């Protein structure tokens, strides 16, 4: 059995309000970038299995049986946190999604459709901007500033990071909140261009930051 994190032990399971069928909806979310991955149902037993194993277990209404997420595909979910809402009748499960695929269609998230089109699900704003930068890298457009930076390689990208770093320092020295926010945004953007150029996923940066919470 996997060892649950302390936060998965903290939920008072007896407080959860189940519906007439003994079920509670569980919204599953990437614990790093906030992407909503899927929604499924839990009953008291599957919640207990989740708490005990540190991996997500649900109740299938159609098959009337427990299912261990990823048992067949290998795309298991390592549970990091479980929260319940103000009415205690809905769960929010923060997970590390192994393989970065939660949907049975092979998409990262079950919530990937907009007007019949497959659209990546929203995440935090840094991840969204980083995904656009990666799209520009993989599908260059001559009019794009991002593409021009990437085409210039390290020489051009790192020069901009140096310039933006100096501007961030000056903004803090001037103590102008709006200028500080703008210059930090510029530095983050150019740093993400460098990450994309070197094919380092921003979630790897998040994992390093997560380790520093301890």
N, C-alpha and C. Protein backbone atom coordinates (compact mmCIF):
# COMPACT_ATOMS: atom_id res chain seq x y z
N UNK A 1 0.83 -1.20 0.00
CA UNK A 1 0.00 0.00 0.00
C UNK A 1 0.86 1.25 0.00
N UNK A 2 0.40 2.27 -0.73
CA UNK A 2 1.07 3.55 -0.71
C UNK A 2 0.84 4.23 0.63
N UNK A 3 1.78 5.04 1.03
CA UNK A 3 1.64 5.76 2.29
C UNK A 3 0.92 7.06 2.07
N UNK A 4 -0.27 7.24 2.69
CA UNK A 4 -1.01 8.49 2.49
C UNK A 4 -0.27 9.67 3.10
N UNK A 5 -0.45 10.83 2.51
CA UNK A 5 0.10 12.04 3.09
C UNK A 5 -0.71 12.41 4.31
N UNK A 6 -0.14 13.14 5.26
CA UNK A 6 -0.87 13.51 6.47
C UNK A 6 -2.19 14.21 6.18
N UNK A 7 -2.24 15.01 5.10
CA UNK A 7 -3.45 15.77 4.83
C UNK A 7 -4.62 14.89 4.45
N UNK A 8 -4.35 13.68 3.89
CA UNK A 8 -5.47 12.81 3.55
C UNK A 8 -6.06 12.16 4.78
N UNK A 9 -5.31 12.16 5.88
CA UNK A 9 -5.82 11.60 7.12
C UNK A 9 -6.71 12.59 7.86
N UNK A 10 -6.61 13.86 7.53
CA UNK A 10 -7.23 14.89 8.35
C UNK A 10 -8.73 15.05 8.10
N UNK A 11 -9.25 14.48 7.02
CA UNK A 11 -10.66 14.65 6.72
C UNK A 11 -11.51 13.80 7.66
N UNK A 12 -12.46 14.40 8.37
CA UNK A 12 -13.34 13.63 9.26
C UNK A 12 -14.42 12.93 8.45
N UNK A 13 -14.16 11.69 8.02
CA UNK A 13 -15.03 10.99 7.08
C UNK A 13 -16.48 10.91 7.58
N UNK A 14 -16.65 10.87 8.87
CA UNK A 14 -18.01 10.74 9.42
C UNK A 14 -18.84 12.00 9.20
N UNK A 15 -18.21 13.10 8.85
CA UNK A 15 -18.94 14.36 8.64
C UNK A 15 -19.48 14.49 7.23
N UNK A 16 -19.04 13.67 6.29
CA UNK A 16 -19.46 13.81 4.90
C UNK A 16 -20.93 13.46 4.76
N UNK A 17 -21.65 14.32 4.04
CA UNK A 17 -23.08 14.11 3.81
C UNK A 17 -23.27 13.43 2.46
N UNK A 18 -23.66 12.16 2.50
CA UNK A 18 -23.90 11.39 1.28
C UNK A 18 -25.35 11.57 0.83
N UNK A 19 -25.59 11.37 -0.47
CA UNK A 19 -26.96 11.49 -0.98
C UNK A 19 -27.77 10.22 -0.68
N UNK A 20 -28.97 10.16 -1.24
CA UNK A 20 -29.87 9.03 -0.95
C UNK A 20 -29.28 7.70 -1.37
N UNK A 21 -28.38 7.72 -2.35
CA UNK A 21 -27.73 6.48 -2.81
C UNK A 21 -26.44 6.20 -2.04
N UNK A 22 -26.15 7.00 -1.03
CA UNK A 22 -24.94 6.80 -0.26
C UNK A 22 -23.68 7.26 -0.97
N UNK A 23 -23.83 8.24 -1.88
CA UNK A 23 -22.72 8.70 -2.70
C UNK A 23 -22.45 10.19 -2.49
N UNK A 24 -21.22 10.58 -2.79
CA UNK A 24 -20.85 11.98 -2.74
C UNK A 24 -19.99 12.27 -3.98
N UNK A 25 -20.24 13.39 -4.69
CA UNK A 25 -19.41 13.71 -5.86
C UNK A 25 -18.00 14.11 -5.43
N UNK A 26 -17.02 13.64 -6.21
CA UNK A 26 -15.61 13.97 -5.94
C UNK A 26 -15.01 14.61 -7.18
N UNK A 27 -14.62 15.86 -7.05
CA UNK A 27 -13.96 16.58 -8.14
C UNK A 27 -12.46 16.40 -7.95
N UNK A 28 -11.80 15.92 -9.00
CA UNK A 28 -10.37 15.62 -8.91
C UNK A 28 -9.59 16.70 -9.64
N UNK A 29 -8.57 17.23 -8.97
CA UNK A 29 -7.83 18.39 -9.44
C UNK A 29 -6.33 18.14 -9.34
N UNK A 30 -5.57 18.58 -10.35
CA UNK A 30 -4.12 18.50 -10.28
C UNK A 30 -3.63 19.39 -9.14
N UNK A 31 -2.88 18.82 -8.23
CA UNK A 31 -2.51 19.57 -7.02
C UNK A 31 -1.46 20.64 -7.30
N UNK A 32 -0.80 20.58 -8.47
CA UNK A 32 0.23 21.57 -8.77
C UNK A 32 -0.31 22.78 -9.51
N UNK A 33 -1.06 22.56 -10.60
CA UNK A 33 -1.49 23.70 -11.42
C UNK A 33 -2.99 23.95 -11.39
N UNK A 34 -3.73 23.16 -10.59
CA UNK A 34 -5.15 23.43 -10.39
C UNK A 34 -6.07 22.93 -11.48
N UNK A 35 -5.56 22.24 -12.50
CA UNK A 35 -6.42 21.74 -13.57
C UNK A 35 -7.46 20.76 -13.02
N UNK A 36 -8.73 20.97 -13.37
CA UNK A 36 -9.78 20.01 -13.01
C UNK A 36 -9.66 18.83 -13.96
N UNK A 37 -9.40 17.65 -13.41
CA UNK A 37 -9.12 16.47 -14.22
C UNK A 37 -10.36 15.63 -14.51
N UNK A 38 -11.23 15.46 -13.52
CA UNK A 38 -12.38 14.59 -13.70
C UNK A 38 -13.34 14.76 -12.53
N UNK A 39 -14.50 14.14 -12.68
CA UNK A 39 -15.46 14.07 -11.59
C UNK A 39 -15.96 12.63 -11.52
N UNK A 40 -16.04 12.08 -10.32
CA UNK A 40 -16.55 10.72 -10.14
C UNK A 40 -17.26 10.67 -8.79
N UNK A 41 -17.77 9.50 -8.46
CA UNK A 41 -18.53 9.35 -7.22
C UNK A 41 -17.78 8.48 -6.22
N UNK A 42 -17.91 8.85 -4.96
CA UNK A 42 -17.37 8.03 -3.87
C UNK A 42 -18.50 7.67 -2.92
N UNK A 43 -18.36 6.50 -2.31
CA UNK A 43 -19.20 6.19 -1.15
C UNK A 43 -18.27 6.09 0.06
N UNK A 44 -18.83 5.74 1.20
CA UNK A 44 -18.01 5.73 2.42
C UNK A 44 -16.85 4.75 2.30
N UNK A 45 -17.10 3.61 1.66
CA UNK A 45 -16.05 2.60 1.54
C UNK A 45 -14.94 3.04 0.58
N UNK A 46 -15.30 3.63 -0.56
CA UNK A 46 -14.26 4.06 -1.49
C UNK A 46 -13.46 5.24 -0.92
N UNK A 47 -14.13 6.09 -0.16
CA UNK A 47 -13.40 7.17 0.50
C UNK A 47 -12.41 6.60 1.50
N UNK A 48 -12.83 5.57 2.23
CA UNK A 48 -11.93 4.95 3.20
C UNK A 48 -10.75 4.29 2.50
N UNK A 49 -11.01 3.63 1.36
CA UNK A 49 -9.92 3.03 0.59
C UNK A 49 -8.93 4.10 0.13
N UNK A 50 -9.47 5.24 -0.27
CA UNK A 50 -8.63 6.35 -0.71
C UNK A 50 -7.77 6.85 0.44
N UNK A 51 -8.37 6.98 1.61
CA UNK A 51 -7.63 7.45 2.78
C UNK A 51 -6.55 6.45 3.19
N UNK A 52 -6.87 5.17 3.08
CA UNK A 52 -5.94 4.14 3.52
C UNK A 52 -4.76 3.94 2.57
N UNK A 53 -5.03 4.03 1.26
CA UNK A 53 -4.00 3.71 0.27
C UNK A 53 -3.25 4.93 -0.26
N UNK A 54 -3.87 6.12 -0.13
CA UNK A 54 -3.25 7.30 -0.71
C UNK A 54 -3.42 7.39 -2.21
N UNK A 55 -4.27 6.54 -2.78
CA UNK A 55 -4.61 6.58 -4.20
C UNK A 55 -6.13 6.62 -4.34
N UNK A 56 -6.62 7.20 -5.44
CA UNK A 56 -8.05 7.44 -5.55
C UNK A 56 -8.83 6.16 -5.89
N UNK A 57 -9.91 5.97 -5.17
CA UNK A 57 -10.88 4.89 -5.40
C UNK A 57 -12.26 5.52 -5.52
N UNK A 58 -13.07 4.99 -6.42
CA UNK A 58 -14.41 5.52 -6.65
C UNK A 58 -15.42 4.39 -6.67
N UNK A 59 -16.70 4.79 -6.75
CA UNK A 59 -17.79 3.82 -6.89
C UNK A 59 -18.43 4.01 -8.26
N UNK A 60 -18.46 2.95 -9.04
CA UNK A 60 -19.07 2.99 -10.36
C UNK A 60 -20.56 2.73 -10.23
N UNK A 61 -21.38 3.70 -10.60
CA UNK A 61 -22.83 3.52 -10.53
C UNK A 61 -23.31 2.55 -11.60
N UNK A 62 -22.70 2.57 -12.78
CA UNK A 62 -23.14 1.70 -13.87
C UNK A 62 -22.78 0.24 -13.63
N UNK A 63 -21.60 0.00 -13.03
CA UNK A 63 -21.17 -1.38 -12.79
C UNK A 63 -21.44 -1.83 -11.36
N UNK A 64 -21.84 -0.89 -10.52
CA UNK A 64 -22.12 -1.18 -9.11
C UNK A 64 -20.93 -1.88 -8.45
N UNK A 65 -19.73 -1.27 -8.62
CA UNK A 65 -18.54 -1.84 -8.02
C UNK A 65 -17.50 -0.74 -7.79
N UNK A 66 -16.52 -1.04 -6.93
CA UNK A 66 -15.43 -0.12 -6.70
C UNK A 66 -14.52 -0.10 -7.93
N UNK A 67 -13.91 1.05 -8.17
CA UNK A 67 -12.84 1.08 -9.17
C UNK A 67 -11.68 1.93 -8.70
N UNK A 68 -10.52 1.35 -8.88
CA UNK A 68 -9.26 1.97 -8.50
C UNK A 68 -8.76 2.71 -9.72
N UNK A 69 -8.75 4.03 -9.67
CA UNK A 69 -8.37 4.82 -10.83
C UNK A 69 -6.96 4.45 -11.30
N UNK A 70 -6.85 4.07 -12.59
CA UNK A 70 -5.56 3.75 -13.17
C UNK A 70 -5.11 2.32 -12.99
N UNK A 71 -5.95 1.48 -12.38
CA UNK A 71 -5.54 0.09 -12.15
C UNK A 71 -5.26 -0.64 -13.45
N UNK A 72 -5.99 -0.30 -14.51
CA UNK A 72 -5.79 -0.94 -15.82
C UNK A 72 -4.80 -0.16 -16.67
N UNK A 73 -4.96 1.15 -16.73
CA UNK A 73 -4.13 1.98 -17.61
C UNK A 73 -2.77 2.32 -17.03
N UNK A 74 -2.65 2.24 -15.71
CA UNK A 74 -1.42 2.67 -15.05
C UNK A 74 -1.44 4.14 -14.67
N UNK A 75 -2.50 4.85 -15.06
CA UNK A 75 -2.60 6.28 -14.77
C UNK A 75 -3.27 6.49 -13.41
N UNK A 76 -2.60 6.02 -12.39
CA UNK A 76 -3.15 6.16 -11.04
C UNK A 76 -3.06 7.60 -10.57
N UNK A 77 -3.78 7.89 -9.51
CA UNK A 77 -3.78 9.22 -8.92
C UNK A 77 -3.28 9.12 -7.48
N UNK A 78 -2.14 9.75 -7.22
CA UNK A 78 -1.61 9.79 -5.87
C UNK A 78 -2.24 10.98 -5.14
N UNK A 79 -3.00 10.69 -4.14
CA UNK A 79 -3.78 11.73 -3.46
C UNK A 79 -2.90 12.55 -2.54
N UNK A 80 -2.96 13.87 -2.73
CA UNK A 80 -2.19 14.80 -1.92
C UNK A 80 -3.06 15.47 -0.86
N UNK A 81 -4.28 15.85 -1.23
CA UNK A 81 -5.19 16.50 -0.29
C UNK A 81 -6.62 16.07 -0.58
N UNK A 82 -7.45 16.10 0.44
CA UNK A 82 -8.90 15.94 0.26
C UNK A 82 -9.57 17.03 1.08
N UNK A 83 -10.41 17.81 0.42
CA UNK A 83 -11.19 18.85 1.10
C UNK A 83 -12.66 18.57 0.87
N UNK A 84 -13.48 19.11 1.75
CA UNK A 84 -14.92 19.03 1.52
C UNK A 84 -15.50 20.43 1.59
N UNK A 85 -16.63 20.64 0.91
CA UNK A 85 -17.16 21.99 0.78
C UNK A 85 -17.94 22.41 2.02
N UNK A 86 -18.50 23.62 1.98
CA UNK A 86 -19.16 24.21 3.14
C UNK A 86 -20.38 23.43 3.59
N UNK A 87 -21.00 22.66 2.68
CA UNK A 87 -22.16 21.84 3.03
C UNK A 87 -21.79 20.40 3.31
N UNK A 88 -20.51 20.08 3.20
CA UNK A 88 -19.99 18.73 3.45
C UNK A 88 -20.58 17.68 2.51
N UNK A 89 -21.05 18.11 1.32
CA UNK A 89 -21.66 17.15 0.40
C UNK A 89 -20.95 17.09 -0.95
N UNK A 90 -19.70 17.56 -0.99
CA UNK A 90 -18.90 17.46 -2.22
C UNK A 90 -17.44 17.46 -1.81
N UNK A 91 -16.63 16.62 -2.48
CA UNK A 91 -15.21 16.51 -2.16
C UNK A 91 -14.37 17.14 -3.27
N UNK A 92 -13.24 17.71 -2.88
CA UNK A 92 -12.25 18.20 -3.82
C UNK A 92 -10.95 17.44 -3.52
N UNK A 93 -10.52 16.64 -4.49
CA UNK A 93 -9.38 15.74 -4.28
C UNK A 93 -8.19 16.25 -5.10
N UNK A 94 -7.14 16.67 -4.43
CA UNK A 94 -5.93 17.12 -5.10
C UNK A 94 -5.00 15.94 -5.31
N UNK A 95 -4.57 15.71 -6.56
CA UNK A 95 -3.79 14.52 -6.87
C UNK A 95 -2.56 14.84 -7.71
N UNK A 96 -1.61 13.92 -7.66
CA UNK A 96 -0.55 13.84 -8.67
C UNK A 96 -1.01 12.80 -9.67
N UNK A 97 -1.32 13.24 -10.88
CA UNK A 97 -1.83 12.34 -11.91
C UNK A 97 -0.67 11.68 -12.64
N UNK A 98 -0.49 10.39 -12.43
CA UNK A 98 0.59 9.66 -13.08
C UNK A 98 0.29 9.52 -14.57
N UNK A 99 1.29 9.84 -15.39
CA UNK A 99 1.11 9.80 -16.83
C UNK A 99 0.45 11.04 -17.39
N UNK A 100 -0.01 11.93 -16.50
CA UNK A 100 -0.66 13.19 -16.90
C UNK A 100 -1.88 12.94 -17.77
N UNK A 101 -2.53 11.79 -17.60
CA UNK A 101 -3.76 11.46 -18.34
C UNK A 101 -4.80 10.98 -17.35
N UNK A 102 -5.93 11.70 -17.28
CA UNK A 102 -7.01 11.31 -16.38
C UNK A 102 -8.21 10.75 -17.12
N UNK A 103 -8.41 11.16 -18.39
CA UNK A 103 -9.60 10.78 -19.14
C UNK A 103 -9.38 9.46 -19.89
N UNK A 104 -10.44 8.66 -19.99
CA UNK A 104 -10.32 7.37 -20.70
C UNK A 104 -10.08 7.57 -22.20
N UNK A 105 -10.30 8.80 -22.70
CA UNK A 105 -10.06 9.08 -24.12
C UNK A 105 -8.58 9.33 -24.41
N UNK A 106 -7.79 9.43 -23.35
CA UNK A 106 -6.37 9.74 -23.52
C UNK A 106 -6.05 11.21 -23.31
N UNK A 107 -7.07 12.03 -23.09
CA UNK A 107 -6.85 13.45 -22.81
C UNK A 107 -6.42 13.63 -21.35
N UNK A 108 -5.78 14.75 -21.10
CA UNK A 108 -5.34 15.02 -19.73
C UNK A 108 -6.52 15.14 -18.78
N UNK A 109 -7.58 15.82 -19.23
CA UNK A 109 -8.75 16.08 -18.40
C UNK A 109 -10.01 15.62 -19.12
N UNK A 110 -10.99 15.17 -18.35
CA UNK A 110 -12.29 14.82 -18.93
C UNK A 110 -13.00 16.07 -19.45
N UNK A 111 -12.63 17.24 -18.93
CA UNK A 111 -13.27 18.49 -19.32
C UNK A 111 -12.47 19.16 -20.43
N UNK A 112 -12.44 18.54 -21.59
CA UNK A 112 -11.61 19.03 -22.69
C UNK A 112 -12.41 19.46 -23.91
N UNK A 113 -13.73 19.47 -23.82
CA UNK A 113 -14.54 19.80 -24.98
C UNK A 113 -15.23 21.16 -24.82
N UNK A 114 -15.12 21.98 -25.88
CA UNK A 114 -15.82 23.26 -25.95
C UNK A 114 -16.41 23.36 -27.35
N UNK A 115 -17.74 23.38 -27.43
CA UNK A 115 -18.43 23.47 -28.72
C UNK A 115 -17.95 22.39 -29.70
N UNK A 116 -17.73 21.19 -29.16
CA UNK A 116 -17.34 20.08 -30.02
C UNK A 116 -15.87 20.03 -30.35
N UNK A 117 -15.11 21.02 -29.90
CA UNK A 117 -13.67 21.04 -30.17
C UNK A 117 -12.90 20.61 -28.92
N UNK A 118 -11.75 20.00 -29.14
CA UNK A 118 -10.90 19.60 -28.02
C UNK A 118 -10.00 20.78 -27.64
N UNK A 119 -10.22 21.29 -26.45
CA UNK A 119 -9.49 22.45 -25.95
C UNK A 119 -8.81 22.06 -24.63
N UNK A 120 -7.52 22.33 -24.48
CA UNK A 120 -6.86 22.01 -23.20
C UNK A 120 -7.59 22.69 -22.04
N UNK A 121 -7.76 21.99 -20.93
CA UNK A 121 -8.48 22.57 -19.80
C UNK A 121 -7.68 23.70 -19.17
N UNK A 122 -8.35 24.69 -18.59
CA UNK A 122 -7.63 25.80 -17.97
C UNK A 122 -6.86 25.35 -16.74
N UNK A 123 -5.71 25.97 -16.55
CA UNK A 123 -4.90 25.75 -15.36
C UNK A 123 -4.57 27.11 -14.78
N UNK A 124 -3.61 27.20 -13.89
CA UNK A 124 -3.20 28.51 -13.41
C UNK A 124 -2.60 29.30 -14.56
N UNK A 125 -2.52 30.61 -14.42
CA UNK A 125 -2.17 31.48 -15.54
C UNK A 125 -0.75 31.23 -16.02
N UNK A 126 0.19 30.90 -15.14
CA UNK A 126 1.55 30.61 -15.59
C UNK A 126 1.56 29.39 -16.51
N UNK A 127 0.81 28.35 -16.14
CA UNK A 127 0.75 27.15 -16.97
C UNK A 127 0.09 27.44 -18.32
N UNK A 128 -0.94 28.29 -18.31
CA UNK A 128 -1.60 28.63 -19.56
C UNK A 128 -0.65 29.38 -20.50
N UNK A 129 0.08 30.36 -19.96
CA UNK A 129 1.03 31.10 -20.78
C UNK A 129 2.14 30.17 -21.27
N UNK A 130 2.62 29.29 -20.40
CA UNK A 130 3.68 28.37 -20.79
C UNK A 130 3.21 27.45 -21.92
N UNK A 131 1.96 27.00 -21.85
CA UNK A 131 1.43 26.14 -22.92
C UNK A 131 1.40 26.88 -24.26
N UNK A 132 1.06 28.16 -24.22
CA UNK A 132 1.05 28.95 -25.46
C UNK A 132 2.46 29.10 -26.00
N UNK A 133 3.43 29.33 -25.10
CA UNK A 133 4.82 29.43 -25.52
C UNK A 133 5.27 28.13 -26.20
N UNK A 134 4.89 26.99 -25.61
CA UNK A 134 5.25 25.70 -26.20
C UNK A 134 4.58 25.50 -27.56
N UNK A 135 3.35 25.99 -27.70
CA UNK A 135 2.67 25.92 -29.00
C UNK A 135 3.43 26.74 -30.04
N UNK A 136 3.89 27.92 -29.65
CA UNK A 136 4.66 28.76 -30.56
C UNK A 136 5.98 28.07 -30.94
N UNK A 137 6.57 27.39 -29.97
CA UNK A 137 7.82 26.65 -30.24
C UNK A 137 7.58 25.54 -31.26
N UNK A 138 6.48 24.81 -31.09
CA UNK A 138 6.22 23.65 -31.94
C UNK A 138 5.57 24.02 -33.27
N UNK A 139 4.91 25.19 -33.30
CA UNK A 139 4.24 25.64 -34.53
C UNK A 139 4.59 27.11 -34.75
N UNK A 140 5.80 27.37 -35.22
CA UNK A 140 6.30 28.76 -35.32
C UNK A 140 5.47 29.64 -36.25
N UNK A 141 5.36 30.90 -35.87
CA UNK A 141 4.73 31.92 -36.68
C UNK A 141 5.70 33.10 -36.78
N UNK A 142 6.04 33.56 -37.97
CA UNK A 142 7.05 34.62 -38.11
C UNK A 142 6.66 35.93 -37.45
N UNK A 143 5.35 36.17 -37.24
CA UNK A 143 4.91 37.43 -36.64
C UNK A 143 5.00 37.41 -35.11
N UNK A 144 5.21 36.24 -34.54
CA UNK A 144 5.16 36.09 -33.08
C UNK A 144 6.48 36.52 -32.43
N UNK A 145 6.38 37.38 -31.42
CA UNK A 145 7.56 37.78 -30.65
C UNK A 145 8.18 36.57 -29.97
N UNK A 146 7.33 35.69 -29.44
CA UNK A 146 7.83 34.48 -28.79
C UNK A 146 8.64 33.64 -29.75
N UNK A 147 8.15 33.48 -30.98
CA UNK A 147 8.87 32.69 -31.98
C UNK A 147 10.21 33.32 -32.34
N UNK A 148 10.24 34.65 -32.40
CA UNK A 148 11.50 35.34 -32.70
C UNK A 148 12.52 35.11 -31.58
N UNK A 149 12.03 35.14 -30.33
CA UNK A 149 12.93 34.84 -29.21
C UNK A 149 13.48 33.42 -29.31
N UNK A 150 12.57 32.46 -29.54
CA UNK A 150 12.98 31.07 -29.62
C UNK A 150 13.95 30.84 -30.78
N UNK A 151 13.71 31.52 -31.88
CA UNK A 151 14.60 31.38 -33.04
C UNK A 151 16.00 31.91 -32.73
N UNK A 152 16.09 32.87 -31.83
CA UNK A 152 17.39 33.44 -31.47
C UNK A 152 18.18 32.58 -30.51
N UNK A 153 17.53 31.54 -29.97
CA UNK A 153 18.22 30.62 -29.08
C UNK A 153 18.66 31.26 -27.77
N UNK A 154 19.59 30.60 -27.09
CA UNK A 154 20.03 31.07 -25.77
C UNK A 154 20.57 32.49 -25.79
N UNK A 155 21.32 32.84 -26.84
CA UNK A 155 21.92 34.17 -26.87
C UNK A 155 20.87 35.27 -26.71
N UNK A 156 19.79 35.14 -27.47
CA UNK A 156 18.74 36.18 -27.42
C UNK A 156 17.89 36.05 -26.17
N UNK A 157 17.51 34.82 -25.82
CA UNK A 157 16.62 34.60 -24.67
C UNK A 157 17.30 35.00 -23.37
N UNK A 158 18.54 34.55 -23.17
CA UNK A 158 19.22 34.81 -21.91
C UNK A 158 19.60 36.28 -21.76
N UNK A 159 19.86 36.93 -22.88
CA UNK A 159 20.11 38.37 -22.83
C UNK A 159 18.88 39.10 -22.31
N UNK A 160 17.69 38.68 -22.78
CA UNK A 160 16.46 39.32 -22.31
C UNK A 160 16.23 39.03 -20.83
N UNK A 161 16.55 37.82 -20.38
CA UNK A 161 16.38 37.51 -18.96
C UNK A 161 17.28 38.41 -18.12
N UNK A 162 18.50 38.63 -18.59
CA UNK A 162 19.40 39.54 -17.87
C UNK A 162 18.85 40.95 -17.81
N UNK A 163 18.34 41.45 -18.94
CA UNK A 163 17.77 42.80 -18.97
C UNK A 163 16.57 42.91 -18.05
N UNK A 164 15.69 41.90 -18.11
CA UNK A 164 14.47 41.96 -17.30
C UNK A 164 14.80 41.84 -15.81
N UNK A 165 15.82 41.07 -15.48
CA UNK A 165 16.22 40.94 -14.08
C UNK A 165 16.65 42.29 -13.52
N UNK A 166 17.42 43.03 -14.31
CA UNK A 166 17.86 44.36 -13.87
C UNK A 166 16.67 45.30 -13.70
N UNK A 167 15.70 45.21 -14.62
CA UNK A 167 14.51 46.07 -14.53
C UNK A 167 13.66 45.72 -13.32
N UNK A 168 13.63 44.43 -12.95
CA UNK A 168 12.91 44.03 -11.74
C UNK A 168 13.56 44.67 -10.51
N UNK A 169 14.89 44.62 -10.46
CA UNK A 169 15.60 45.22 -9.33
C UNK A 169 15.28 46.71 -9.22
N UNK A 170 15.30 47.41 -10.35
CA UNK A 170 15.03 48.85 -10.33
C UNK A 170 13.59 49.14 -9.93
N UNK A 171 12.66 48.29 -10.37
CA UNK A 171 11.25 48.49 -10.03
C UNK A 171 11.04 48.37 -8.52
N UNK A 172 11.70 47.40 -7.92
CA UNK A 172 11.59 47.25 -6.47
C UNK A 172 12.24 48.45 -5.77
N UNK A 173 13.34 48.92 -6.31
CA UNK A 173 14.00 50.07 -5.70
C UNK A 173 13.12 51.31 -5.76
N UNK A 174 12.36 51.47 -6.86
CA UNK A 174 11.45 52.61 -7.01
C UNK A 174 10.17 52.45 -6.20
N UNK A 175 9.93 51.22 -5.73
CA UNK A 175 8.77 50.94 -4.86
C UNK A 175 7.45 51.33 -5.51
N UNK A 176 7.33 50.99 -6.80
CA UNK A 176 6.10 51.27 -7.55
C UNK A 176 5.37 49.94 -7.76
N UNK A 177 4.27 49.69 -7.05
CA UNK A 177 3.61 48.38 -7.13
C UNK A 177 3.23 47.95 -8.54
N UNK A 178 2.69 48.89 -9.35
CA UNK A 178 2.30 48.52 -10.71
C UNK A 178 3.52 48.19 -11.56
N UNK A 179 4.55 48.97 -11.42
CA UNK A 179 5.78 48.71 -12.18
C UNK A 179 6.42 47.39 -11.73
N UNK A 180 6.40 47.14 -10.44
CA UNK A 180 6.95 45.88 -9.92
C UNK A 180 6.22 44.69 -10.54
N UNK A 181 4.89 44.75 -10.53
CA UNK A 181 4.09 43.64 -11.09
C UNK A 181 4.40 43.45 -12.57
N UNK A 182 4.50 44.54 -13.31
CA UNK A 182 4.76 44.44 -14.74
C UNK A 182 6.13 43.88 -15.05
N UNK A 183 7.14 44.33 -14.32
CA UNK A 183 8.51 43.86 -14.59
C UNK A 183 8.68 42.40 -14.17
N UNK A 184 8.06 42.01 -13.05
CA UNK A 184 8.13 40.60 -12.64
C UNK A 184 7.42 39.71 -13.67
N UNK A 185 6.29 40.21 -14.21
CA UNK A 185 5.58 39.46 -15.25
C UNK A 185 6.48 39.28 -16.48
N UNK A 186 7.21 40.33 -16.86
CA UNK A 186 8.13 40.24 -18.00
C UNK A 186 9.23 39.21 -17.74
N UNK A 187 9.77 39.23 -16.51
CA UNK A 187 10.84 38.29 -16.17
C UNK A 187 10.32 36.85 -16.19
N UNK A 188 9.13 36.64 -15.64
CA UNK A 188 8.54 35.29 -15.64
C UNK A 188 8.31 34.81 -17.07
N UNK A 189 7.77 35.69 -17.92
CA UNK A 189 7.52 35.32 -19.31
C UNK A 189 8.80 34.89 -20.01
N UNK A 190 9.85 35.71 -19.92
CA UNK A 190 11.09 35.38 -20.62
C UNK A 190 11.75 34.13 -20.02
N UNK A 191 11.60 33.93 -18.73
CA UNK A 191 12.11 32.71 -18.11
C UNK A 191 11.37 31.49 -18.63
N UNK A 192 10.06 31.61 -18.82
CA UNK A 192 9.29 30.48 -19.36
C UNK A 192 9.66 30.19 -20.81
N UNK A 193 10.02 31.23 -21.57
CA UNK A 193 10.52 31.01 -22.93
C UNK A 193 11.79 30.17 -22.88
N UNK A 194 12.67 30.48 -21.93
CA UNK A 194 13.90 29.70 -21.77
C UNK A 194 13.58 28.26 -21.37
N UNK A 195 12.61 28.09 -20.49
CA UNK A 195 12.21 26.73 -20.10
C UNK A 195 11.73 25.94 -21.32
N UNK A 196 10.88 26.58 -22.12
CA UNK A 196 10.35 25.91 -23.31
C UNK A 196 11.47 25.58 -24.29
N UNK A 197 12.41 26.50 -24.43
CA UNK A 197 13.53 26.29 -25.36
C UNK A 197 14.36 25.07 -24.94
N UNK A 198 14.51 24.90 -23.63
CA UNK A 198 15.29 23.76 -23.12
C UNK A 198 14.40 22.56 -22.80
N UNK A 199 13.12 22.66 -23.13
CA UNK A 199 12.15 21.57 -22.96
C UNK A 199 12.07 21.08 -21.51
N UNK A 200 12.02 22.05 -20.62
CA UNK A 200 11.79 21.78 -19.20
C UNK A 200 10.36 22.20 -18.88
N UNK A 201 9.52 21.25 -18.48
CA UNK A 201 8.12 21.56 -18.20
C UNK A 201 8.02 22.44 -16.96
N UNK A 202 7.11 23.38 -17.00
CA UNK A 202 6.94 24.28 -15.85
C UNK A 202 6.49 23.51 -14.60
N UNK A 203 5.85 22.36 -14.79
CA UNK A 203 5.44 21.57 -13.63
C UNK A 203 6.65 21.03 -12.87
N UNK A 204 7.79 20.89 -13.55
CA UNK A 204 9.01 20.50 -12.84
C UNK A 204 9.44 21.62 -11.90
N UNK A 205 9.24 22.86 -12.32
CA UNK A 205 9.53 24.00 -11.44
C UNK A 205 8.57 23.98 -10.26
N UNK A 206 7.29 23.70 -10.53
CA UNK A 206 6.31 23.63 -9.45
C UNK A 206 6.69 22.56 -8.42
N UNK A 207 7.20 21.43 -8.92
CA UNK A 207 7.58 20.35 -8.00
C UNK A 207 8.74 20.80 -7.11
N UNK A 208 9.68 21.55 -7.68
CA UNK A 208 10.78 22.08 -6.86
C UNK A 208 10.25 23.05 -5.81
N UNK A 209 9.30 23.90 -6.22
CA UNK A 209 8.72 24.84 -5.26
C UNK A 209 7.93 24.11 -4.18
N UNK A 210 7.21 23.06 -4.59
CA UNK A 210 6.44 22.30 -3.62
C UNK A 210 7.35 21.72 -2.54
N UNK A 211 8.54 21.25 -2.94
CA UNK A 211 9.45 20.65 -1.97
C UNK A 211 9.97 21.67 -0.97
N UNK A 212 9.86 22.96 -1.32
CA UNK A 212 10.35 24.00 -0.43
C UNK A 212 9.30 24.48 0.57
N UNK A 213 8.10 23.90 0.49
CA UNK A 213 7.07 24.26 1.47
C UNK A 213 7.36 23.63 2.81
N UNK A 214 8.20 22.62 2.83
CA UNK A 214 8.40 21.85 4.06
C UNK A 214 9.41 22.55 4.98
